[in-house]
Protein backbone atom coordinates (compact mmCIF):
# COMPACT_ATOMS: atom_id res chain seq x y z
CA MET A 1 0.00 0.00 0.00
CA GLY A 2 2.90 2.31 -0.67
CA GLU A 3 1.45 3.95 -3.79
CA GLN A 4 1.11 7.73 -3.75
CA LEU A 5 -2.30 9.16 -3.00
CA GLN A 6 -3.68 11.68 -5.48
CA LEU A 7 -6.80 13.70 -4.70
CA TYR A 8 -8.93 15.19 -7.46
CA SER A 9 -10.18 18.29 -5.74
CA TYR A 10 -11.63 21.76 -6.13
CA TRP A 11 -10.65 24.34 -3.56
CA ARG A 12 -14.21 25.28 -2.55
CA SER A 13 -15.86 21.87 -2.84
CA SER A 14 -17.36 20.91 0.52
CA ALA A 15 -17.03 17.21 -0.26
CA ALA A 16 -13.35 17.54 -1.21
CA TYR A 17 -12.81 19.65 1.93
CA ARG A 18 -14.07 16.69 4.01
CA VAL A 19 -11.51 14.36 2.48
CA ARG A 20 -8.66 16.84 2.88
CA ILE A 21 -9.46 17.09 6.59
CA GLY A 22 -9.59 13.31 6.97
CA LEU A 23 -6.29 12.78 5.17
CA GLY A 24 -4.75 15.45 7.37
CA LEU A 25 -6.07 13.89 10.59
CA LYS A 26 -4.53 10.60 9.55
CA GLY A 27 -1.23 12.21 8.59
CA LEU A 28 -1.42 10.95 5.00
CA ALA A 29 0.48 12.84 2.32
CA TYR A 30 -1.22 13.31 -1.04
CA GLU A 31 -0.90 15.19 -4.31
CA THR A 32 -3.71 17.57 -5.24
CA LEU A 33 -5.02 17.25 -8.79
CA PRO A 34 -7.17 20.38 -9.25
CA ILE A 35 -10.45 20.08 -11.16
CA HIS A 36 -11.91 23.53 -11.76
CA LEU A 37 -15.68 23.24 -11.50
CA LEU A 38 -16.38 26.51 -13.35
CA ARG A 39 -13.61 27.00 -15.93
CA ASP A 40 -14.60 26.19 -19.54
CA GLY A 41 -18.00 25.00 -18.45
CA GLY A 42 -16.52 22.81 -15.71
CA GLU A 43 -13.47 20.58 -16.05
CA GLN A 44 -15.37 17.82 -14.24
CA HIS A 45 -17.34 17.29 -17.46
CA GLY A 46 -14.22 16.69 -19.56
CA GLU A 47 -13.37 13.30 -20.99
CA ALA A 48 -10.10 13.01 -19.07
CA PHE A 49 -11.72 13.36 -15.67
CA ARG A 50 -14.76 11.28 -16.62
CA LYS A 51 -12.40 8.36 -17.26
CA ALA A 52 -11.26 8.64 -13.65
CA ASN A 53 -14.74 9.24 -12.21
CA PRO A 54 -17.70 8.64 -14.53
CA GLN A 55 -19.94 10.62 -12.17
CA GLY A 56 -17.98 13.75 -13.00
CA LEU A 57 -17.85 14.80 -9.35
CA VAL A 58 -15.09 15.74 -6.94
CA PRO A 59 -13.54 14.46 -4.84
CA ALA A 60 -12.01 11.30 -6.23
CA LEU A 61 -9.01 9.59 -4.71
CA ARG A 62 -6.44 7.73 -6.78
CA HIS A 63 -4.46 5.10 -4.88
CA GLY A 64 -2.23 3.18 -7.26
CA ASP A 65 -4.48 1.85 -10.03
CA ARG A 66 -7.66 2.34 -7.96
CA VAL A 67 -9.87 5.43 -8.10
CA LEU A 68 -12.52 5.89 -5.42
CA SER A 69 -15.35 8.42 -5.53
CA GLN A 70 -17.78 9.72 -2.89
CA SER A 71 -16.23 11.51 0.08
CA LEU A 72 -17.56 9.24 2.83
CA ALA A 73 -16.52 6.10 0.97
CA ILE A 74 -13.06 7.61 0.52
CA LEU A 75 -12.78 8.46 4.22
CA GLU A 76 -13.83 4.98 5.31
CA TYR A 77 -11.43 3.44 2.78
CA VAL A 78 -8.41 5.32 4.09
CA ASP A 79 -9.52 4.52 7.64
CA GLU A 80 -9.47 0.80 6.83
CA VAL A 81 -6.23 0.83 4.84
CA TRP A 82 -4.41 2.99 7.39
CA PRO A 83 -6.06 2.17 10.73
CA GLU A 84 -3.74 4.33 12.80
CA GLN A 85 -5.35 7.56 14.07
CA PRO A 86 -8.84 6.25 13.26
CA LEU A 87 -11.60 8.51 11.99
CA LEU A 88 -14.29 6.29 13.50
CA PRO A 89 -14.50 5.52 17.23
CA LYS A 90 -14.22 2.00 18.68
CA SER A 91 -17.71 1.24 20.02
CA ALA A 92 -20.59 0.32 17.72
CA ASP A 93 -22.81 2.95 19.37
CA GLU A 94 -20.30 5.73 18.74
CA ARG A 95 -19.53 4.56 15.21
CA GLY A 96 -23.22 4.51 14.39
CA ARG A 97 -23.68 7.99 15.80
CA ALA A 98 -20.68 9.34 13.89
CA ARG A 99 -22.09 7.94 10.66
CA SER A 100 -25.55 9.37 11.44
CA ILE A 101 -24.12 12.87 11.81
CA ALA A 102 -21.93 12.53 8.73
CA LEU A 103 -24.77 11.22 6.58
CA ALA A 104 -27.19 13.90 7.81
CA ILE A 105 -24.78 16.45 6.39
CA ALA A 106 -23.51 14.63 3.30
CA CYS A 107 -26.88 13.23 2.19
CA ASP A 108 -29.55 15.58 3.53
CA ILE A 109 -28.02 19.06 3.76
CA HIS A 110 -25.18 19.38 1.27
CA PRO A 111 -26.85 17.94 -1.87
CA LEU A 112 -29.55 20.60 -1.72
CA ASN A 113 -27.05 23.46 -1.90
CA ASN A 114 -24.24 22.15 -4.05
CA LEU A 115 -23.03 23.70 -7.28
CA ARG A 116 -24.87 21.60 -9.83
CA VAL A 117 -28.24 22.18 -8.13
CA LEU A 118 -27.68 25.94 -8.06
CA GLN A 119 -26.48 25.94 -11.67
CA TYR A 120 -29.65 24.09 -12.73
CA PHE A 121 -31.77 26.68 -10.93
CA GLU A 122 -29.84 29.47 -12.61
CA HIS A 123 -29.48 28.21 -16.18
CA THR A 124 -32.53 25.97 -16.66
CA TRP A 125 -35.19 27.57 -14.47
CA GLU A 126 -33.68 31.08 -14.42
CA VAL A 127 -34.20 31.42 -10.69
CA PRO A 128 -32.82 34.81 -9.52
CA GLN A 129 -29.80 34.78 -7.22
CA PRO A 130 -31.66 36.03 -4.10
CA ARG A 131 -34.13 33.16 -4.38
CA ARG A 132 -31.32 30.64 -4.97
CA GLU A 133 -29.54 31.85 -1.86
CA ALA A 134 -32.78 31.75 0.16
CA TRP A 135 -33.17 28.10 -0.91
CA VAL A 136 -29.64 27.33 0.34
CA ARG A 137 -30.19 29.03 3.68
CA HIS A 138 -33.52 27.28 4.24
CA TRP A 139 -32.08 23.78 3.92
CA ILE A 140 -28.92 24.53 5.87
CA GLU A 141 -30.95 26.09 8.69
CA GLN A 142 -33.34 23.14 8.79
CA GLY A 143 -30.47 20.67 8.84
CA PHE A 144 -28.45 22.59 11.40
CA ALA A 145 -31.46 22.82 13.74
CA ALA A 146 -31.64 19.03 13.74
CA LEU A 147 -27.87 18.65 14.22
CA GLU A 148 -27.87 21.12 17.09
CA SER A 149 -30.57 19.09 18.79
CA MET A 150 -28.67 15.84 18.17
CA LEU A 151 -25.41 17.18 19.59
CA ALA A 152 -26.34 19.67 22.31
CA ASP A 153 -27.35 17.34 25.13
CA ASP A 154 -26.03 13.96 24.07
CA PRO A 155 -23.50 12.39 26.44
CA MET A 156 -21.42 11.20 23.47
CA THR A 157 -20.75 14.80 22.44
CA GLY A 158 -17.49 16.13 23.80
CA ARG A 159 -15.06 18.70 22.53
CA PHE A 160 -15.87 17.29 19.09
CA CYS A 161 -18.93 15.58 17.63
CA ILE A 162 -18.02 12.28 19.27
CA GLY A 163 -15.96 12.66 22.43
CA ASP A 164 -12.69 14.52 22.54
CA THR A 165 -11.09 13.18 19.36
CA PRO A 166 -11.99 14.61 15.94
CA GLY A 167 -13.24 12.15 13.36
CA LEU A 168 -15.59 11.41 10.50
CA ALA A 169 -18.48 13.56 11.75
CA ASP A 170 -16.23 16.59 12.26
CA CYS A 171 -14.79 16.11 8.75
CA CYS A 172 -18.34 16.70 7.47
CA LEU A 173 -19.47 19.38 9.90
CA VAL A 174 -16.68 21.90 9.39
CA PRO A 175 -17.06 22.24 5.59
CA GLN A 176 -20.82 22.64 5.98
CA VAL A 177 -20.34 25.41 8.54
CA TYR A 178 -17.92 27.07 6.09
CA ASN A 179 -20.58 26.80 3.39
CA ALA A 180 -23.25 28.21 5.71
CA ARG A 181 -21.13 31.29 6.33
CA ARG A 182 -20.64 31.75 2.58
CA PHE A 183 -24.41 32.06 2.25
CA HIS A 184 -24.78 34.31 5.31
CA VAL A 185 -26.63 31.82 7.51
CA ASP A 186 -27.14 33.19 11.02
CA MET A 187 -25.16 30.73 13.15
CA ALA A 188 -26.33 32.10 16.52
CA PRO A 189 -29.06 29.44 16.94
CA TYR A 190 -26.43 26.67 16.74
CA PRO A 191 -24.01 27.22 19.63
CA THR A 192 -22.93 23.57 19.83
CA LEU A 193 -22.05 23.50 16.14
CA LEU A 194 -20.11 26.73 16.55
CA ARG A 195 -18.24 25.41 19.57
CA ILE A 196 -17.22 22.20 17.78
CA ASP A 197 -16.23 24.13 14.65
CA GLU A 198 -14.03 26.42 16.74
CA ALA A 199 -12.34 23.45 18.42
CA CYS A 200 -11.69 21.87 15.03
CA GLN A 201 -10.29 25.05 13.47
CA ALA A 202 -7.59 25.14 16.17
CA LEU A 203 -6.09 21.89 14.82
CA PRO A 204 -3.46 21.85 12.04
CA ALA A 205 -5.30 19.26 9.93
CA PHE A 206 -8.37 21.49 9.69
CA GLU A 207 -6.34 24.64 9.07
CA ALA A 208 -4.35 23.02 6.26
CA ALA A 209 -7.56 21.78 4.61
CA ARG A 210 -9.22 25.21 4.49
CA PRO A 211 -10.30 26.22 0.98
CA GLU A 212 -8.14 29.34 0.98
CA ARG A 213 -5.04 27.22 1.68
CA GLN A 214 -5.41 25.04 -1.42
CA PRO A 215 -3.06 25.30 -4.40
CA ASP A 216 -5.93 26.01 -6.79
CA ALA A 217 -7.53 28.74 -4.65
CA PRO A 218 -7.66 32.15 -6.34
CA PRO A 219 -5.43 34.90 -4.95
CA ALA A 220 -6.92 36.64 -1.94
C-alpha cells in the first residue's frame, strides 16, 4: 500500500474539503489534482476526468491503479487501509452515531445546496440569485437545527462531535459550517455546532484543509 495518493479536488468543494481534513487527521500525504468546476464550463465534465470518475464529481481519490469516488466512501477506505489515528470511534454505538451525523450532512443538507443544483436553478429555471440563496439558507438552517438538537445534550458529544477526538463527523461538519457562512446563515441558533467548529479550526489538519489554503484557490 505504498502507492502515492492523489486527490482530485476543487478548492471550494465541501465534499473535497471533508476528504482533505480526513487525510490530514490521519497524517497521510497526497498530491492535489485540481479540477476547476467553473472554468470552460466545468473541467469535471471533460473526458479526461470522466475516465477517472464517470460521475464527474469531486472528490475522487487515486491510490495506485484504484480510483474511489464519494467523500464518505473515501474516508472509510483510508480509515481501513491505514487504521492508525482512526476517523471512526471504537464502540458500535459511537460509530453509528458518527455515521448518522456525517450522513445527515452529506446526504440531507449538502446535496440541496451544491453547485450543480444551483447551476440548474440558474441556467434551466432562471431562478434569480436572491431566491437561490434563500433556498440554500432554508435547507442549511433546517439541517443545522436538527444537528444542534442531536449534539447539544447527548453524552457522546465532547469537545468534538463524538468525544474529545476529531473524526468522520467533524470532517463533514466543518465544511458545511464554512458553506453556511458563505451564504450568510445566522449561526447564533447553533451554539454547539459553533463550539465544535471552533475546536476543530484550532487543529493543524483542519487549518491546512481550508479552501483558501489550497493550491488552486484564487489569490486573496
